[in-house]
Amino acid sequence: MYDFLGKLIIIFIIISIILVFLSIYIGRKEYAVTSVFIYKRAENILDFFLMPLLMVYRFFRNDTEKLYKKIVNVKNNAHRADFKKTKNRIIIAPHCMRHINCPAFSTTEGIICKKCNLCVFTEMSDLAEEYGYKLFIITGSSFVKRILTSENCKDVDGVLAIGCDYEINKGMRELKPYKKIVTYGIPLINSGCYNTYIDFEKFKKVLKELEPEQKKQTTEH
């Protein structure tokens, strides 16, 4: 009996390791190269084994950035098709992207951009409005739930998250229980508490790619 259970445990461990490494492997590329179904299964596997996986990465590589990047790629590929179906979208961006002399002030819903042209948020605000998003600049992750439970955002079903890969993954995991909300992430070029940057051309490209199919067809005609 114990011999049989021991073999089952070993088989489970071997299968788990194989599935985890396959999930990491398909996350090496930013855009989907396989079915959404596989990416969704890979997302669940990586979420389930995240803590032991982080321990292994820290032990052998002492660097988890690449792991988080692959996980975000997997999640984006799993969510892309569903995100295109969303109708009420917001952008969550970190305050570390703003200029050090930013004149904007903080409110209960984050920092309200004054469009002073000192940083990229002026252009991002305009582009967000053009594509039907509301932009929120936050100083901490606690703002996210506060925003989503506010009267203005009760119908939100799509959250486009900007940040370092670690923060994007963290946010996606925290919002996973919100079944009606679909998340998608755009990683920053660099990480840190200030002077962080986004690839603005990539930002524009993602907004275009994530347009609802119906709106795309209307625009083209």
Foldseek 3Di string as FASTA:
>chain_A
DVVVVVVVVVVVVVVLVVLQVVLLVQLQDQEHPDDLVSLVVSLVSCVVCVPVVVVVCCVPPVDCQSVLSSSQSSQQNNQLVVLLVWDAEAEEAEPQQDDPPQPWDADLLGTDHPLPPRGCVVVVCVLCVVLRYHYTYHHDPVNVVVNCPDPVNVRHAEYEYEERSVVQSVSCVVCVVVPSHGYHYFYWPDHDNHNTHGPVVVVNVSSVSSHHPVVVVVVVD
